[in-house]
Amino acid sequence: QVQLVESGGGLVQAGGSLTLSCTASGRGLLFDTMGWYRQPPGKERELVALVHRTGATNYADAVKGRFTISKDNAKNTVVLQMNNLKSEDTAVYYCHARSGWHYWGQGTQVTVSS
């Protein structure tokens, strides 16, 4: 059983920064990808960023140049550094991990005030 626990959400003014962290625990923690999705109010869940086992990364166009994803393999942790936040970044952010199975965190709220 794998658990993903997120931390770091909150309220920030536009132009500010937040850091989200997600730590995986349990058995079978060799993931093909780890990353973050978000679900804005009234919209569907969308990819934000992910990091592959190789270290390669992918970002949504909306966050390129502002968000950075990184992974600490020894700690089974993935971190999303979010800079220059905009009101449209307001969403519930979910940690995700994939290894044949898909695992999701419980979600953490990020609210950006304009």
Protein backbone atom coordinates (compact mmCIF):
# COMPACT_ATOMS: atom_id res chain seq x y z
CA GLN A 1 0.00 0.00 0.00
CA VAL A 2 1.36 3.41 -1.01
CA GLN A 3 0.46 6.67 0.65
CA LEU A 4 1.21 10.15 -0.65
CA VAL A 5 1.16 12.95 1.91
CA GLU A 6 1.22 16.55 0.72
CA SER A 7 2.09 19.72 2.56
CA GLY A 8 2.73 23.37 1.82
CA GLY A 9 -0.49 24.79 0.42
CA GLY A 10 -1.99 28.04 1.62
CA LEU A 11 -2.94 31.60 0.77
CA VAL A 12 -0.52 33.89 -1.02
CA GLN A 13 -0.72 37.19 -2.87
CA ALA A 14 -0.22 37.35 -6.60
CA GLY A 15 3.47 37.46 -7.42
CA GLY A 16 4.36 35.46 -4.33
CA SER A 17 5.79 31.98 -3.93
CA LEU A 18 4.80 28.68 -2.34
CA THR A 19 6.48 25.33 -2.06
CA LEU A 20 4.51 22.08 -2.15
CA SER A 21 6.03 18.86 -0.88
CA CYS A 22 4.83 15.28 -1.26
CA THR A 23 6.33 12.27 0.49
CA ALA A 24 5.57 8.69 -0.46
CA SER A 25 5.51 5.87 2.05
CA GLY A 26 4.73 2.19 1.93
CA ARG A 27 5.90 -0.64 -0.28
CA GLY A 28 6.91 -0.56 -3.92
CA LEU A 29 8.11 3.03 -4.10
CA LEU A 30 9.92 2.72 -7.42
CA PHE A 31 7.74 5.02 -9.48
CA ASP A 32 7.92 5.68 -13.20
CA THR A 33 6.76 9.24 -12.62
CA MET A 34 5.89 11.51 -9.71
CA GLY A 35 4.27 14.84 -10.11
CA TRP A 36 1.51 17.32 -9.45
CA TYR A 37 -1.93 17.89 -10.88
CA ARG A 38 -4.38 20.61 -9.97
CA GLN A 39 -8.10 21.16 -10.11
CA PRO A 40 -9.23 24.79 -10.34
CA PRO A 41 -12.74 25.65 -9.09
CA GLY A 42 -15.35 24.36 -11.51
CA LYS A 43 -12.79 22.81 -13.83
CA GLU A 44 -11.29 19.40 -14.50
CA ARG A 45 -8.06 18.13 -13.02
CA GLU A 46 -5.01 19.03 -15.12
CA LEU A 47 -1.34 18.21 -15.20
CA VAL A 48 0.99 20.78 -13.66
CA ALA A 49 4.40 19.09 -13.71
CA LEU A 50 5.95 15.68 -13.42
CA VAL A 51 9.38 14.13 -13.11
CA HIS A 52 10.31 10.80 -14.64
CA ARG A 53 12.47 8.15 -13.03
CA THR A 54 15.23 9.28 -15.41
CA GLY A 55 15.04 12.79 -14.04
CA ALA A 56 13.38 14.24 -17.12
CA THR A 57 10.62 16.74 -16.40
CA ASN A 58 7.43 17.92 -18.08
CA TYR A 59 5.50 21.10 -17.38
CA ALA A 60 2.17 22.49 -18.41
CA ASP A 61 2.60 25.52 -20.67
CA ALA A 62 0.79 27.70 -18.14
CA VAL A 63 3.49 27.17 -15.51
CA LYS A 64 6.68 26.95 -17.57
CA GLY A 65 9.29 29.37 -16.31
CA ARG A 66 7.47 29.88 -13.00
CA PHE A 67 7.26 26.39 -11.42
CA THR A 68 10.07 23.95 -10.81
CA ILE A 69 9.66 20.29 -9.90
CA SER A 70 12.36 18.28 -8.19
CA LYS A 71 12.65 14.83 -6.62
CA ASP A 72 14.69 13.46 -3.78
CA ASN A 73 14.91 9.73 -4.46
CA ALA A 74 16.44 8.93 -1.08
CA LYS A 75 13.49 10.55 0.71
CA ASN A 76 10.81 9.53 -1.80
CA THR A 77 9.79 13.17 -1.93
CA VAL A 78 8.78 15.40 -4.81
CA VAL A 79 8.76 19.17 -4.41
CA LEU A 80 7.02 21.81 -6.50
CA GLN A 81 8.48 25.29 -6.18
CA MET A 82 5.93 27.82 -7.40
CA ASN A 83 7.07 31.38 -8.11
CA ASN A 84 5.32 34.42 -9.51
CA LEU A 85 1.95 32.95 -8.64
CA LYS A 86 -1.13 34.21 -10.45
CA SER A 87 -4.80 34.17 -9.50
CA GLU A 88 -5.38 31.49 -12.14
CA ASP A 89 -3.07 29.17 -10.20
CA THR A 90 -5.74 28.93 -7.52
CA ALA A 91 -6.69 25.25 -7.25
CA VAL A 92 -6.50 22.11 -5.20
CA TYR A 93 -3.12 20.56 -5.94
CA TYR A 94 -2.76 16.78 -5.92
CA CYS A 95 0.39 14.73 -5.74
CA HIS A 96 0.47 11.80 -8.13
CA ALA A 97 2.71 8.79 -8.54
CA ARG A 98 2.62 6.07 -11.18
CA SER A 99 4.18 2.62 -11.30
CA GLY A 100 1.68 0.54 -13.19
CA TRP A 101 -0.76 1.70 -10.55
CA HIS A 102 -1.85 5.29 -10.04
CA TYR A 103 -1.62 6.82 -6.59
CA TRP A 104 -3.04 10.16 -5.45
CA GLY A 105 -2.56 12.36 -2.44
CA GLN A 106 -5.44 13.91 -0.58
CA GLY A 107 -4.94 17.34 -2.13
CA THR A 108 -3.81 20.68 -0.75
CA GLN A 109 -5.47 24.03 -1.39
CA VAL A 110 -3.51 26.85 -3.02
CA THR A 111 -5.25 30.21 -3.13
CA VAL A 112 -3.69 33.20 -4.89
CA SER A 113 -5.27 36.55 -4.15
CA SER A 114 -5.06 39.32 -6.71
